[in-house]
Amino acid sequence: MRVLVDMDGVIADWGAAYGASLDAFGPAAWGIPRHSDQRSFNLKEGRTVAEKRIIDLVMVEPGFYSRLQPIPGASWALRSMHQRGHDVRIVTSPFVSNPTCASDKLNWVREHYGDRWAQRVILTTDKTLVWGDVLIDDKPEVTGDVEPAWEHVLFDQPYNRDVTGKRRIRDWDEWEKVLGD
């Protein structure tokens, strides 16, 4: 099976880094939901003009993606999948307005998974163009230019908990049960 795995919010803790960056803005950012309170994947939904400006500054901050911490159990799960003969690829979309995002993501994988895994990274702004059997992603709905060849398996996050009708991984310990391996 070819297993495609998103990076941010799936193997890298995007939410913690986002919250820390917001905290650096002090009281001006207090009204912006942190990860655990985020109910929409769209960060700017319901935000004021000033809050949207802060979100934009966080998202384009050089080096932001290099500071993400690994999600517990992700490395073990991906390595286990690979050892069982699955073709595992990390498929991630760079935030194109951030000048270092793509290189930060590739370097992050190299640092936390090693050079061999860095060679398994696919950077794309359209995941529907990547062939696979499943895509494990936290985004509630992954869309693009074509009908994807993969099944979307949700990686549980606060902003996707109302989505039904899809298989879901709540914790990396349950990957085998969810993917049927």
N, C-alpha and C. Protein backbone atom coordinates (compact mmCIF):
# COMPACT_ATOMS: atom_id res chain seq x y z
N MET A 1 0.85 -1.17 0.00
CA MET A 1 0.00 0.00 0.00
C MET A 1 0.90 1.24 0.00
N ARG A 2 0.50 2.25 -0.77
CA ARG A 2 1.22 3.53 -0.73
C ARG A 2 0.47 4.43 0.24
N VAL A 3 1.16 4.82 1.31
CA VAL A 3 0.58 5.65 2.37
C VAL A 3 1.21 7.05 2.28
N LEU A 4 0.35 8.02 2.03
CA LEU A 4 0.78 9.41 1.98
C LEU A 4 0.46 10.04 3.33
N VAL A 5 1.41 10.74 3.90
CA VAL A 5 1.24 11.30 5.24
C VAL A 5 1.57 12.79 5.21
N ASP A 6 0.59 13.59 5.63
CA ASP A 6 0.78 15.03 5.73
C ASP A 6 1.79 15.32 6.84
N MET A 7 2.33 16.52 6.85
CA MET A 7 3.33 16.87 7.85
C MET A 7 2.73 17.71 8.99
N ASP A 8 2.25 18.91 8.69
CA ASP A 8 1.79 19.84 9.73
C ASP A 8 0.52 19.33 10.39
N GLY A 9 0.56 19.17 11.71
CA GLY A 9 -0.60 18.68 12.44
C GLY A 9 -0.77 17.18 12.38
N VAL A 10 0.16 16.48 11.73
CA VAL A 10 0.08 15.02 11.61
C VAL A 10 1.35 14.36 12.15
N ILE A 11 2.50 14.79 11.67
CA ILE A 11 3.76 14.28 12.22
C ILE A 11 4.55 15.40 12.91
N ALA A 12 4.22 16.65 12.60
CA ALA A 12 4.87 17.82 13.21
C ALA A 12 3.81 18.65 13.93
N ASP A 13 4.13 19.05 15.15
CA ASP A 13 3.17 19.77 15.99
C ASP A 13 3.09 21.24 15.60
N TRP A 14 2.34 21.49 14.55
CA TRP A 14 2.15 22.85 14.04
C TRP A 14 1.44 23.72 15.08
N GLY A 15 0.45 23.17 15.75
CA GLY A 15 -0.38 23.93 16.67
C GLY A 15 0.39 24.56 17.82
N ALA A 16 1.32 23.83 18.40
CA ALA A 16 2.11 24.37 19.53
C ALA A 16 2.98 25.54 19.07
N ALA A 17 3.61 25.40 17.91
CA ALA A 17 4.47 26.48 17.40
C ALA A 17 3.63 27.71 17.04
N TYR A 18 2.46 27.48 16.48
CA TYR A 18 1.55 28.58 16.14
C TYR A 18 1.14 29.34 17.41
N GLY A 19 0.76 28.61 18.43
CA GLY A 19 0.37 29.24 19.69
C GLY A 19 1.51 30.04 20.31
N ALA A 20 2.72 29.50 20.28
CA ALA A 20 3.88 30.21 20.83
C ALA A 20 4.15 31.49 20.05
N SER A 21 4.01 31.42 18.74
CA SER A 21 4.23 32.62 17.92
C SER A 21 3.16 33.67 18.20
N LEU A 22 1.92 33.22 18.38
CA LEU A 22 0.85 34.17 18.73
C LEU A 22 1.12 34.81 20.09
N ASP A 23 1.57 34.01 21.04
CA ASP A 23 1.85 34.52 22.39
C ASP A 23 2.87 35.65 22.37
N ALA A 24 3.79 35.60 21.41
CA ALA A 24 4.82 36.63 21.32
C ALA A 24 4.23 38.01 20.99
N PHE A 25 3.00 38.04 20.46
CA PHE A 25 2.34 39.31 20.15
C PHE A 25 1.61 39.89 21.36
N GLY A 26 1.61 39.16 22.47
CA GLY A 26 1.00 39.67 23.70
C GLY A 26 -0.50 39.86 23.60
N PRO A 27 -1.03 40.87 24.30
CA PRO A 27 -2.48 41.09 24.38
C PRO A 27 -3.17 41.26 23.03
N ALA A 28 -2.46 41.75 22.03
CA ALA A 28 -3.06 41.95 20.70
C ALA A 28 -3.54 40.62 20.09
N ALA A 29 -2.94 39.51 20.51
CA ALA A 29 -3.28 38.20 19.95
C ALA A 29 -4.09 37.33 20.90
N TRP A 30 -4.47 37.85 22.05
CA TRP A 30 -5.18 37.03 23.04
C TRP A 30 -6.50 36.50 22.53
N GLY A 31 -7.17 37.22 21.64
CA GLY A 31 -8.47 36.78 21.13
C GLY A 31 -8.40 35.75 20.02
N ILE A 32 -7.21 35.45 19.54
CA ILE A 32 -7.04 34.47 18.46
C ILE A 32 -6.99 33.07 19.07
N PRO A 33 -7.88 32.18 18.64
CA PRO A 33 -7.89 30.83 19.23
C PRO A 33 -6.55 30.11 19.06
N ARG A 34 -6.12 29.48 20.14
CA ARG A 34 -4.96 28.61 20.07
C ARG A 34 -5.43 27.26 19.56
N HIS A 35 -4.49 26.41 19.26
CA HIS A 35 -4.78 25.14 18.61
C HIS A 35 -5.90 24.34 19.28
N SER A 36 -5.84 24.19 20.58
CA SER A 36 -6.84 23.36 21.28
C SER A 36 -8.25 23.93 21.20
N ASP A 37 -8.36 25.22 20.91
CA ASP A 37 -9.67 25.87 20.80
C ASP A 37 -10.08 26.16 19.36
N GLN A 38 -9.25 25.75 18.43
CA GLN A 38 -9.50 26.03 17.02
C GLN A 38 -10.62 25.14 16.50
N ARG A 39 -11.70 25.75 16.02
CA ARG A 39 -12.85 24.99 15.53
C ARG A 39 -13.00 25.04 14.02
N SER A 40 -12.13 25.82 13.38
CA SER A 40 -12.14 25.92 11.92
C SER A 40 -10.71 25.77 11.42
N PHE A 41 -10.55 25.05 10.33
CA PHE A 41 -9.23 24.93 9.72
C PHE A 41 -8.77 26.28 9.18
N ASN A 42 -9.73 27.12 8.79
CA ASN A 42 -9.44 28.45 8.30
C ASN A 42 -9.08 29.35 9.48
N LEU A 43 -7.83 29.68 9.61
CA LEU A 43 -7.34 30.45 10.76
C LEU A 43 -7.96 31.83 10.86
N LYS A 44 -8.35 32.41 9.74
CA LYS A 44 -8.85 33.78 9.74
C LYS A 44 -10.37 33.88 9.90
N GLU A 45 -11.05 32.76 9.92
CA GLU A 45 -12.51 32.79 10.05
C GLU A 45 -12.92 33.45 11.36
N GLY A 46 -13.74 34.49 11.25
CA GLY A 46 -14.25 35.19 12.42
C GLY A 46 -13.27 36.12 13.11
N ARG A 47 -12.12 36.36 12.52
CA ARG A 47 -11.11 37.20 13.14
C ARG A 47 -11.24 38.65 12.67
N THR A 48 -10.78 39.58 13.49
CA THR A 48 -10.78 41.00 13.14
C THR A 48 -9.65 41.28 12.14
N VAL A 49 -9.67 42.47 11.57
CA VAL A 49 -8.61 42.86 10.64
C VAL A 49 -7.25 42.82 11.34
N ALA A 50 -7.18 43.33 12.55
CA ALA A 50 -5.91 43.33 13.31
C ALA A 50 -5.45 41.91 13.60
N GLU A 51 -6.37 41.04 13.97
CA GLU A 51 -6.01 39.64 14.24
C GLU A 51 -5.55 38.94 12.97
N LYS A 52 -6.19 39.21 11.85
CA LYS A 52 -5.77 38.62 10.57
C LYS A 52 -4.36 39.06 10.22
N ARG A 53 -4.02 40.29 10.53
CA ARG A 53 -2.67 40.80 10.26
C ARG A 53 -1.64 40.02 11.10
N ILE A 54 -1.97 39.76 12.35
CA ILE A 54 -1.06 38.99 13.22
C ILE A 54 -0.91 37.57 12.67
N ILE A 55 -2.01 36.95 12.28
CA ILE A 55 -1.94 35.60 11.71
C ILE A 55 -1.05 35.58 10.48
N ASP A 56 -1.20 36.58 9.61
CA ASP A 56 -0.36 36.67 8.42
C ASP A 56 1.12 36.77 8.80
N LEU A 57 1.43 37.57 9.81
CA LEU A 57 2.82 37.72 10.24
C LEU A 57 3.39 36.40 10.76
N VAL A 58 2.59 35.66 11.49
CA VAL A 58 3.04 34.35 11.99
C VAL A 58 3.29 33.41 10.81
N MET A 59 2.37 33.37 9.87
CA MET A 59 2.46 32.42 8.77
C MET A 59 3.63 32.67 7.82
N VAL A 60 4.09 33.91 7.72
CA VAL A 60 5.21 34.21 6.81
C VAL A 60 6.53 34.36 7.56
N GLU A 61 6.53 34.08 8.83
CA GLU A 61 7.74 34.22 9.64
C GLU A 61 8.81 33.22 9.19
N PRO A 62 9.96 33.73 8.70
CA PRO A 62 11.02 32.82 8.30
C PRO A 62 11.45 31.93 9.47
N GLY A 63 11.62 30.66 9.19
CA GLY A 63 12.06 29.71 10.21
C GLY A 63 10.94 29.10 11.03
N PHE A 64 9.71 29.58 10.87
CA PHE A 64 8.59 29.07 11.66
C PHE A 64 8.49 27.54 11.57
N TYR A 65 8.53 27.00 10.37
CA TYR A 65 8.33 25.56 10.19
C TYR A 65 9.51 24.72 10.67
N SER A 66 10.65 25.34 10.86
CA SER A 66 11.81 24.60 11.38
C SER A 66 11.70 24.39 12.89
N ARG A 67 10.83 25.15 13.57
CA ARG A 67 10.71 25.06 15.02
C ARG A 67 9.65 24.05 15.49
N LEU A 68 8.97 23.40 14.58
CA LEU A 68 7.93 22.46 14.99
C LEU A 68 8.54 21.26 15.71
N GLN A 69 7.83 20.77 16.70
CA GLN A 69 8.27 19.58 17.42
C GLN A 69 7.55 18.36 16.84
N PRO A 70 8.16 17.19 16.93
CA PRO A 70 7.50 15.98 16.42
C PRO A 70 6.27 15.62 17.25
N ILE A 71 5.27 15.08 16.58
CA ILE A 71 4.09 14.56 17.27
C ILE A 71 4.47 13.18 17.82
N PRO A 72 4.21 12.94 19.10
CA PRO A 72 4.58 11.65 19.70
C PRO A 72 4.02 10.46 18.93
N GLY A 73 4.87 9.49 18.70
CA GLY A 73 4.48 8.25 18.05
C GLY A 73 4.51 8.28 16.54
N ALA A 74 4.63 9.45 15.93
CA ALA A 74 4.60 9.55 14.47
C ALA A 74 5.80 8.85 13.82
N SER A 75 6.98 9.10 14.33
CA SER A 75 8.18 8.48 13.75
C SER A 75 8.09 6.96 13.83
N TRP A 76 7.71 6.45 14.99
CA TRP A 76 7.56 5.00 15.16
C TRP A 76 6.53 4.45 14.16
N ALA A 77 5.40 5.13 14.01
CA ALA A 77 4.34 4.66 13.12
C ALA A 77 4.80 4.63 11.67
N LEU A 78 5.43 5.69 11.20
CA LEU A 78 5.88 5.73 9.81
C LEU A 78 6.96 4.68 9.55
N ARG A 79 7.86 4.53 10.51
CA ARG A 79 8.91 3.51 10.34
C ARG A 79 8.30 2.10 10.37
N SER A 80 7.30 1.88 11.21
CA SER A 80 6.62 0.58 11.27
C SER A 80 5.92 0.28 9.95
N MET A 81 5.24 1.27 9.40
CA MET A 81 4.57 1.09 8.11
C MET A 81 5.59 0.69 7.04
N HIS A 82 6.69 1.43 7.02
CA HIS A 82 7.74 1.17 6.02
C HIS A 82 8.34 -0.23 6.20
N GLN A 83 8.59 -0.62 7.46
CA GLN A 83 9.16 -1.95 7.72
C GLN A 83 8.21 -3.08 7.30
N ARG A 84 6.92 -2.80 7.29
CA ARG A 84 5.93 -3.80 6.88
C ARG A 84 5.72 -3.81 5.38
N GLY A 85 6.53 -3.05 4.67
CA GLY A 85 6.49 -3.09 3.21
C GLY A 85 5.65 -2.03 2.54
N HIS A 86 5.09 -1.10 3.31
CA HIS A 86 4.31 -0.03 2.70
C HIS A 86 5.24 1.04 2.15
N ASP A 87 4.83 1.64 1.05
CA ASP A 87 5.56 2.75 0.45
C ASP A 87 5.02 4.01 1.13
N VAL A 88 5.77 4.56 2.06
CA VAL A 88 5.32 5.71 2.85
C VAL A 88 6.00 6.97 2.32
N ARG A 89 5.17 7.97 2.03
CA ARG A 89 5.67 9.26 1.53
C ARG A 89 5.10 10.38 2.41
N ILE A 90 5.93 11.35 2.71
CA ILE A 90 5.48 12.54 3.43
C ILE A 90 5.09 13.56 2.37
N VAL A 91 3.80 13.90 2.33
CA VAL A 91 3.28 14.81 1.31
C VAL A 91 2.81 16.07 2.03
N THR A 92 3.46 17.18 1.74
CA THR A 92 3.18 18.41 2.46
C THR A 92 3.09 19.59 1.52
N SER A 93 2.23 20.53 1.88
CA SER A 93 2.05 21.73 1.07
C SER A 93 2.78 22.90 1.72
N PRO A 94 3.73 23.49 1.00
CA PRO A 94 4.42 24.64 1.56
C PRO A 94 3.51 25.87 1.54
N PHE A 95 3.63 26.70 2.54
CA PHE A 95 2.93 27.98 2.57
C PHE A 95 3.77 28.90 1.69
N VAL A 96 3.34 29.12 0.45
CA VAL A 96 4.20 29.77 -0.54
C VAL A 96 4.57 31.21 -0.21
N SER A 97 3.80 31.88 0.65
CA SER A 97 4.14 33.25 1.04
C SER A 97 5.27 33.30 2.06
N ASN A 98 5.59 32.16 2.66
CA ASN A 98 6.67 32.09 3.63
C ASN A 98 7.96 31.76 2.88
N PRO A 99 8.96 32.64 2.92
CA PRO A 99 10.16 32.45 2.10
C PRO A 99 11.00 31.24 2.45
N THR A 100 10.85 30.69 3.66
CA THR A 100 11.68 29.54 4.05
C THR A 100 10.87 28.27 4.28
N CYS A 101 9.57 28.31 4.05
CA CYS A 101 8.71 27.18 4.41
C CYS A 101 9.15 25.87 3.77
N ALA A 102 9.34 25.85 2.46
CA ALA A 102 9.68 24.60 1.77
C ALA A 102 11.00 24.04 2.29
N SER A 103 12.02 24.87 2.41
CA SER A 103 13.31 24.38 2.91
C SER A 103 13.22 24.01 4.38
N ASP A 104 12.44 24.77 5.17
CA ASP A 104 12.25 24.42 6.59
C ASP A 104 11.64 23.03 6.72
N LYS A 105 10.64 22.74 5.91
CA LYS A 105 9.96 21.44 6.00
C LYS A 105 10.91 20.31 5.62
N LEU A 106 11.65 20.47 4.55
CA LEU A 106 12.60 19.44 4.14
C LEU A 106 13.69 19.24 5.20
N ASN A 107 14.21 20.33 5.73
CA ASN A 107 15.23 20.23 6.78
C ASN A 107 14.66 19.62 8.06
N TRP A 108 13.38 19.91 8.36
CA TRP A 108 12.73 19.33 9.54
C TRP A 108 12.69 17.81 9.42
N VAL A 109 12.30 17.32 8.26
CA VAL A 109 12.24 15.87 8.06
C VAL A 109 13.64 15.29 8.16
N ARG A 110 14.61 15.94 7.57
CA ARG A 110 15.99 15.46 7.65
C ARG A 110 16.45 15.39 9.11
N GLU A 111 16.14 16.43 9.90
CA GLU A 111 16.57 16.47 11.30
C GLU A 111 15.87 15.41 12.15
N HIS A 112 14.58 15.22 11.97
CA HIS A 112 13.81 14.34 12.85
C HIS A 112 13.65 12.91 12.33
N TYR A 113 13.86 12.70 11.02
CA TYR A 113 13.68 11.37 10.44
C TYR A 113 14.93 10.86 9.72
N GLY A 114 15.79 11.76 9.30
CA GLY A 114 17.02 11.36 8.62
C GLY A 114 16.98 11.62 7.12
N ASP A 115 18.14 11.52 6.50
CA ASP A 115 18.28 11.81 5.07
C ASP A 115 17.44 10.89 4.19
N ARG A 116 17.33 9.63 4.56
CA ARG A 116 16.56 8.68 3.73
C ARG A 116 15.09 9.09 3.68
N TRP A 117 14.56 9.59 4.80
CA TRP A 117 13.17 10.04 4.82
C TRP A 117 13.02 11.37 4.08
N ALA A 118 14.04 12.21 4.11
CA ALA A 118 13.97 13.47 3.37
C ALA A 118 13.80 13.22 1.88
N GLN A 119 14.33 12.10 1.41
CA GLN A 119 14.18 11.72 0.00
C GLN A 119 12.77 11.22 -0.31
N ARG A 120 11.96 10.99 0.72
CA ARG A 120 10.59 10.51 0.55
C ARG A 120 9.56 11.63 0.69
N VAL A 121 10.04 12.88 0.72
CA VAL A 121 9.16 14.04 0.86
C VAL A 121 8.67 14.48 -0.51
N ILE A 122 7.38 14.77 -0.59
CA ILE A 122 6.79 15.34 -1.79
C ILE A 122 6.20 16.69 -1.39
N LEU A 123 6.75 17.76 -1.93
CA LEU A 123 6.24 19.11 -1.69
C LEU A 123 5.31 19.46 -2.85
N THR A 124 4.07 19.79 -2.53
CA THR A 124 3.10 20.11 -3.57
C THR A 124 2.03 21.04 -3.02
N THR A 125 1.50 21.89 -3.87
CA THR A 125 0.37 22.71 -3.47
C THR A 125 -0.95 22.02 -3.80
N ASP A 126 -0.89 20.84 -4.43
CA ASP A 126 -2.10 20.09 -4.78
C ASP A 126 -1.88 18.60 -4.52
N LYS A 127 -2.32 18.13 -3.37
CA LYS A 127 -2.12 16.74 -2.99
C LYS A 127 -2.96 15.77 -3.83
N THR A 128 -3.99 16.28 -4.51
CA THR A 128 -4.81 15.39 -5.34
C THR A 128 -4.03 14.86 -6.53
N LEU A 129 -2.93 15.51 -6.88
CA LEU A 129 -2.12 15.07 -8.01
C LEU A 129 -1.15 13.94 -7.64
N VAL A 130 -1.06 13.62 -6.36
CA VAL A 130 -0.13 12.60 -5.89
C VAL A 130 -0.88 11.28 -5.76
N TRP A 131 -0.33 10.21 -6.38
CA TRP A 131 -0.98 8.91 -6.33
C TRP A 131 -0.66 8.21 -5.01
N GLY A 132 -1.68 7.58 -4.44
CA GLY A 132 -1.51 6.78 -3.24
C GLY A 132 -2.79 6.05 -2.93
N ASP A 133 -2.73 5.14 -1.96
CA ASP A 133 -3.92 4.42 -1.52
C ASP A 133 -4.67 5.19 -0.44
N VAL A 134 -3.91 5.79 0.48
CA VAL A 134 -4.51 6.62 1.53
C VAL A 134 -3.67 7.87 1.73
N LEU A 135 -4.34 8.94 2.14
CA LEU A 135 -3.68 10.16 2.58
C LEU A 135 -4.12 10.41 4.00
N ILE A 136 -3.17 10.41 4.92
CA ILE A 136 -3.46 10.73 6.32
C ILE A 136 -3.20 12.22 6.48
N ASP A 137 -4.26 12.98 6.74
CA ASP A 137 -4.17 14.43 6.76
C ASP A 137 -5.14 14.98 7.79
N ASP A 138 -4.77 16.09 8.43
CA ASP A 138 -5.64 16.72 9.42
C ASP A 138 -6.65 17.68 8.80
N LYS A 139 -6.43 18.08 7.57
CA LYS A 139 -7.33 19.03 6.91
C LYS A 139 -8.68 18.34 6.70
N PRO A 140 -9.77 18.99 7.10
CA PRO A 140 -11.08 18.34 7.00
C PRO A 140 -11.47 17.91 5.59
N GLU A 141 -11.10 18.71 4.60
CA GLU A 141 -11.42 18.39 3.21
C GLU A 141 -10.23 18.75 2.35
N VAL A 142 -9.63 17.77 1.68
CA VAL A 142 -8.49 18.01 0.81
C VAL A 142 -8.99 18.02 -0.63
N THR A 143 -8.86 19.17 -1.27
CA THR A 143 -9.35 19.32 -2.64
C THR A 143 -8.22 19.77 -3.54
N GLY A 144 -8.46 19.65 -4.84
CA GLY A 144 -7.46 20.08 -5.80
C GLY A 144 -8.00 19.98 -7.21
N ASP A 145 -7.09 19.85 -8.16
CA ASP A 145 -7.45 19.87 -9.58
C ASP A 145 -8.08 18.58 -10.09
N VAL A 146 -7.82 17.46 -9.41
CA VAL A 146 -8.34 16.18 -9.90
C VAL A 146 -9.01 15.40 -8.76
N GLU A 147 -9.78 14.41 -9.14
CA GLU A 147 -10.36 13.49 -8.15
C GLU A 147 -9.20 12.63 -7.62
N PRO A 148 -8.93 12.67 -6.33
CA PRO A 148 -7.76 11.95 -5.82
C PRO A 148 -7.91 10.43 -5.96
N ALA A 149 -6.77 9.77 -6.11
CA ALA A 149 -6.74 8.31 -6.18
C ALA A 149 -6.72 7.69 -4.79
N TRP A 150 -6.51 8.49 -3.76
CA TRP A 150 -6.38 8.01 -2.39
C TRP A 150 -7.65 8.23 -1.59
N GLU A 151 -7.74 7.45 -0.50
CA GLU A 151 -8.80 7.66 0.49
C GLU A 151 -8.25 8.60 1.55
N HIS A 152 -9.04 9.59 1.90
CA HIS A 152 -8.62 10.55 2.92
C HIS A 152 -8.92 9.98 4.30
N VAL A 153 -7.88 9.73 5.09
CA VAL A 153 -8.01 9.29 6.47
C VAL A 153 -7.64 10.49 7.33
N LEU A 154 -8.56 10.90 8.19
CA LEU A 154 -8.32 12.08 9.03
C LEU A 154 -7.39 11.77 10.19
N PHE A 155 -6.44 12.68 10.41
CA PHE A 155 -5.67 12.64 11.65
C PHE A 155 -6.36 13.62 12.57
N ASP A 156 -6.79 13.15 13.71
CA ASP A 156 -7.66 13.90 14.61
C ASP A 156 -7.03 15.20 15.11
N GLN A 157 -7.79 16.28 14.94
CA GLN A 157 -7.44 17.59 15.47
C GLN A 157 -8.74 18.29 15.87
N PRO A 158 -8.67 19.29 16.75
CA PRO A 158 -9.90 19.96 17.23
C PRO A 158 -10.80 20.49 16.11
N TYR A 159 -10.20 20.97 15.03
CA TYR A 159 -10.96 21.59 13.93
C TYR A 159 -11.55 20.59 12.94
N ASN A 160 -11.33 19.29 13.14
CA ASN A 160 -11.94 18.31 12.21
C ASN A 160 -12.84 17.31 12.93
N ARG A 161 -13.11 17.54 14.18
CA ARG A 161 -13.87 16.55 14.96
C ARG A 161 -15.33 16.45 14.56
N ASP A 162 -15.85 17.45 13.86
CA ASP A 162 -17.25 17.36 13.41
C ASP A 162 -17.39 16.66 12.07
N VAL A 163 -16.28 16.28 11.45
CA VAL A 163 -16.31 15.58 10.16
C VAL A 163 -16.65 14.11 10.40
N THR A 164 -17.63 13.62 9.66
CA THR A 164 -18.04 12.23 9.78
C THR A 164 -17.86 11.53 8.44
N GLY A 165 -17.95 10.22 8.45
CA GLY A 165 -17.89 9.45 7.22
C GLY A 165 -16.50 9.14 6.72
N LYS A 166 -15.48 9.43 7.52
CA LYS A 166 -14.10 9.13 7.14
C LYS A 166 -13.45 8.34 8.27
N ARG A 167 -12.55 7.45 7.88
CA ARG A 167 -11.75 6.79 8.91
C ARG A 167 -10.88 7.86 9.57
N ARG A 168 -10.54 7.62 10.84
CA ARG A 168 -9.84 8.63 11.63
C ARG A 168 -8.77 7.96 12.49
N ILE A 169 -7.60 8.58 12.53
CA ILE A 169 -6.53 8.17 13.44
C ILE A 169 -6.48 9.22 14.55
N ARG A 170 -6.78 8.79 15.77
CA ARG A 170 -6.78 9.71 16.91
C ARG A 170 -5.40 9.80 17.56
N ASP A 171 -4.63 8.76 17.40
CA ASP A 171 -3.31 8.68 18.01
C ASP A 171 -2.51 7.70 17.15
N TRP A 172 -1.22 7.93 17.01
CA TRP A 172 -0.41 7.08 16.14
C TRP A 172 -0.37 5.62 16.60
N ASP A 173 -0.66 5.36 17.87
CA ASP A 173 -0.69 3.97 18.34
C ASP A 173 -1.74 3.13 17.64
N GLU A 174 -2.74 3.76 17.05
CA GLU A 174 -3.83 3.01 16.42
C GLU A 174 -3.75 2.93 14.90
N TRP A 175 -2.62 3.26 14.30
CA TRP A 175 -2.53 3.27 12.85
C TRP A 175 -2.85 1.91 12.25
N GLU A 176 -2.38 0.83 12.87
CA GLU A 176 -2.60 -0.51 12.32
C GLU A 176 -4.08 -0.87 12.30
N LYS A 177 -4.77 -0.54 13.37
CA LYS A 177 -6.20 -0.84 13.49
C LYS A 177 -6.98 -0.06 12.44
N VAL A 178 -6.64 1.21 12.24
CA VAL A 178 -7.38 2.06 11.31
C VAL A 178 -7.08 1.70 9.85
N LEU A 179 -5.82 1.44 9.55
CA LEU A 179 -5.45 1.13 8.17
C LEU A 179 -5.59 -0.34 7.83
N GLY A 180 -5.93 -1.15 8.81
CA GLY A 180 -6.16 -2.56 8.54
C GLY A 180 -4.93 -3.38 8.31
N ASP A 181 -3.86 -3.01 8.93
CA ASP A 181 -2.61 -3.78 8.76
C ASP A 181 -2.37 -4.63 9.99
